[in-house]
Amino acid sequence: MFSLRALLAPRPVKRCFALLDAQGICRALRHSAQAPQGLGWVEVETMGLHWLDQRLPAHVRISAQQSPAFRPKALTA
């Protein structure tokens, strides 16, 4: 019975975050339901390990207007 309840219960949406230094270089990546504490964390669409120690591409950043509450939800079949 527990497994059926676990399947039907809503799960928190995991979001992707990148830690940028003062020059815009990606220093860390995090996948979590809440935004990390501290300065320098930005939300990104997806994670790429190849971004570490590189400049984060501008097109992967999520702007404040596109926060998860306002993003359209994907349709499931």
C-alpha atoms as a PDB file:
ATOM      1  CA  MET A   1       0.000   0.000   0.000  1.00  0.00           C
ATOM      2  CA  PHE A   2       2.874   2.346   0.738  1.00  0.00           C
ATOM      3  CA  SER A   3       4.226   2.040  -2.807  1.00  0.00           C
ATOM      4  CA  LEU A   4       0.843   2.960  -4.314  1.00  0.00           C
ATOM      5  CA  ARG A   5       0.666   6.030  -2.092  1.00  0.00           C
ATOM      6  CA  ALA A   6       4.204   6.989  -3.091  1.00  0.00           C
ATOM      7  CA  LEU A   7       3.261   6.762  -6.772  1.00  0.00           C
ATOM      8  CA  LEU A   8       0.215   8.993  -6.361  1.00  0.00           C
ATOM      9  CA  ALA A   9       1.701  11.575  -4.013  1.00  0.00           C
ATOM     10  CA  PRO A  10       2.985  14.771  -5.631  1.00  0.00           C
ATOM     11  CA  ARG A  11       6.764  15.047  -5.633  1.00  0.00           C
ATOM     12  CA  PRO A  12       8.683  18.292  -5.359  1.00  0.00           C
ATOM     13  CA  VAL A  13       9.956  19.560  -8.687  1.00  0.00           C
ATOM     14  CA  LYS A  14      13.754  19.416  -8.906  1.00  0.00           C
ATOM     15  CA  ARG A  15      15.371  22.516 -10.376  1.00  0.00           C
ATOM     16  CA  CYS A  16      18.905  23.094 -11.662  1.00  0.00           C
ATOM     17  CA  PHE A  17      21.246  25.748 -10.261  1.00  0.00           C
ATOM     18  CA  ALA A  18      24.767  26.897 -11.100  1.00  0.00           C
ATOM     19  CA  LEU A  19      27.160  28.798  -8.831  1.00  0.00           C
ATOM     20  CA  LEU A  20      28.950  31.590 -10.690  1.00  0.00           C
ATOM     21  CA  ASP A  21      31.968  33.548  -9.517  1.00  0.00           C
ATOM     22  CA  ALA A  22      32.523  37.282 -10.128  1.00  0.00           C
ATOM     23  CA  GLN A  23      33.762  36.619 -13.693  1.00  0.00           C
ATOM     24  CA  GLY A  24      30.748  34.458 -14.622  1.00  0.00           C
ATOM     25  CA  ILE A  25      32.690  31.174 -14.412  1.00  0.00           C
ATOM     26  CA  CYS A  26      30.652  28.153 -13.264  1.00  0.00           C
ATOM     27  CA  ARG A  27      32.121  26.786 -10.014  1.00  0.00           C
ATOM     28  CA  ALA A  28      29.401  24.331  -8.888  1.00  0.00           C
ATOM     29  CA  LEU A  29      26.142  22.710  -9.987  1.00  0.00           C
ATOM     30  CA  ARG A  30      23.190  21.688  -7.833  1.00  0.00           C
ATOM     31  CA  HIS A  31      19.916  19.872  -8.482  1.00  0.00           C
ATOM     32  CA  SER A  32      17.352  20.584  -5.741  1.00  0.00           C
ATOM     33  CA  ALA A  33      13.742  21.510  -5.038  1.00  0.00           C
ATOM     34  CA  GLN A  34      14.703  24.842  -3.415  1.00  0.00           C
ATOM     35  CA  ALA A  35      17.142  27.536  -4.419  1.00  0.00           C
ATOM     36  CA  PRO A  36      20.513  27.222  -2.631  1.00  0.00           C
ATOM     37  CA  GLN A  37      21.400  29.778   0.040  1.00  0.00           C
ATOM     38  CA  GLY A  38      24.142  32.276  -0.666  1.00  0.00           C
ATOM     39  CA  LEU A  39      25.228  34.634  -3.399  1.00  0.00           C
ATOM     40  CA  GLY A  40      26.087  33.672  -6.954  1.00  0.00           C
ATOM     41  CA  TRP A  41      23.523  30.911  -7.542  1.00  0.00           C
ATOM     42  CA  VAL A  42      21.471  31.232 -10.734  1.00  0.00           C
ATOM     43  CA  GLU A  43      18.760  28.922 -12.020  1.00  0.00           C
ATOM     44  CA  VAL A  44      19.483  27.163 -15.320  1.00  0.00           C
ATOM     45  CA  GLU A  45      17.343  25.076 -17.680  1.00  0.00           C
ATOM     46  CA  THR A  46      19.593  22.017 -17.609  1.00  0.00           C
ATOM     47  CA  MET A  47      22.943  21.014 -16.153  1.00  0.00           C
ATOM     48  CA  GLY A  48      26.092  20.345 -18.086  1.00  0.00           C
ATOM     49  CA  LEU A  49      29.227  19.091 -16.348  1.00  0.00           C
ATOM     50  CA  HIS A  50      31.253  20.589 -19.182  1.00  0.00           C
ATOM     51  CA  TRP A  51      30.286  24.063 -17.836  1.00  0.00           C
ATOM     52  CA  LEU A  52      32.482  23.635 -14.731  1.00  0.00           C
ATOM     53  CA  ASP A  53      35.432  26.045 -14.859  1.00  0.00           C
ATOM     54  CA  GLN A  54      33.919  27.583 -18.015  1.00  0.00           C
ATOM     55  CA  ARG A  55      31.782  30.638 -18.677  1.00  0.00           C
ATOM     56  CA  LEU A  56      28.087  29.747 -18.356  1.00  0.00           C
ATOM     57  CA  PRO A  57      26.222  30.100 -21.697  1.00  0.00           C
ATOM     58  CA  ALA A  58      23.690  32.939 -21.472  1.00  0.00           C
ATOM     59  CA  HIS A  59      20.898  30.975 -23.166  1.00  0.00           C
ATOM     60  CA  VAL A  60      20.663  28.392 -20.340  1.00  0.00           C
ATOM     61  CA  ARG A  61      19.875  30.916 -17.594  1.00  0.00           C
ATOM     62  CA  ILE A  62      16.268  31.208 -16.460  1.00  0.00           C
ATOM     63  CA  SER A  63      15.162  34.788 -15.960  1.00  0.00           C
ATOM     64  CA  ALA A  64      13.081  35.907 -12.969  1.00  0.00           C
ATOM     65  CA  GLN A  65       9.980  36.128 -15.183  1.00  0.00           C
ATOM     66  CA  GLN A  66      10.323  32.414 -16.002  1.00  0.00           C
ATOM     67  CA  SER A  67      10.254  31.168 -12.430  1.00  0.00           C
ATOM     68  CA  PRO A  68       8.893  27.617 -12.003  1.00  0.00           C
ATOM     69  CA  ALA A  69       5.515  28.896 -10.819  1.00  0.00           C
ATOM     70  CA  PHE A  70       4.949  30.640 -14.154  1.00  0.00           C
ATOM     71  CA  ARG A  71       6.519  28.125 -16.530  1.00  0.00           C
ATOM     72  CA  PRO A  72       3.979  26.105 -18.521  1.00  0.00           C
ATOM     73  CA  LYS A  73       3.776  22.496 -17.403  1.00  0.00           C
ATOM     74  CA  ALA A  74       4.512  19.712 -19.852  1.00  0.00           C
ATOM     75  CA  LEU A  75       1.617  17.526 -20.864  1.00  0.00           C
ATOM     76  CA  THR A  76       1.871  13.923 -19.838  1.00  0.00           C
ATOM     77  CA  ALA A  77       0.391  11.028 -21.741  1.00  0.00           C
END
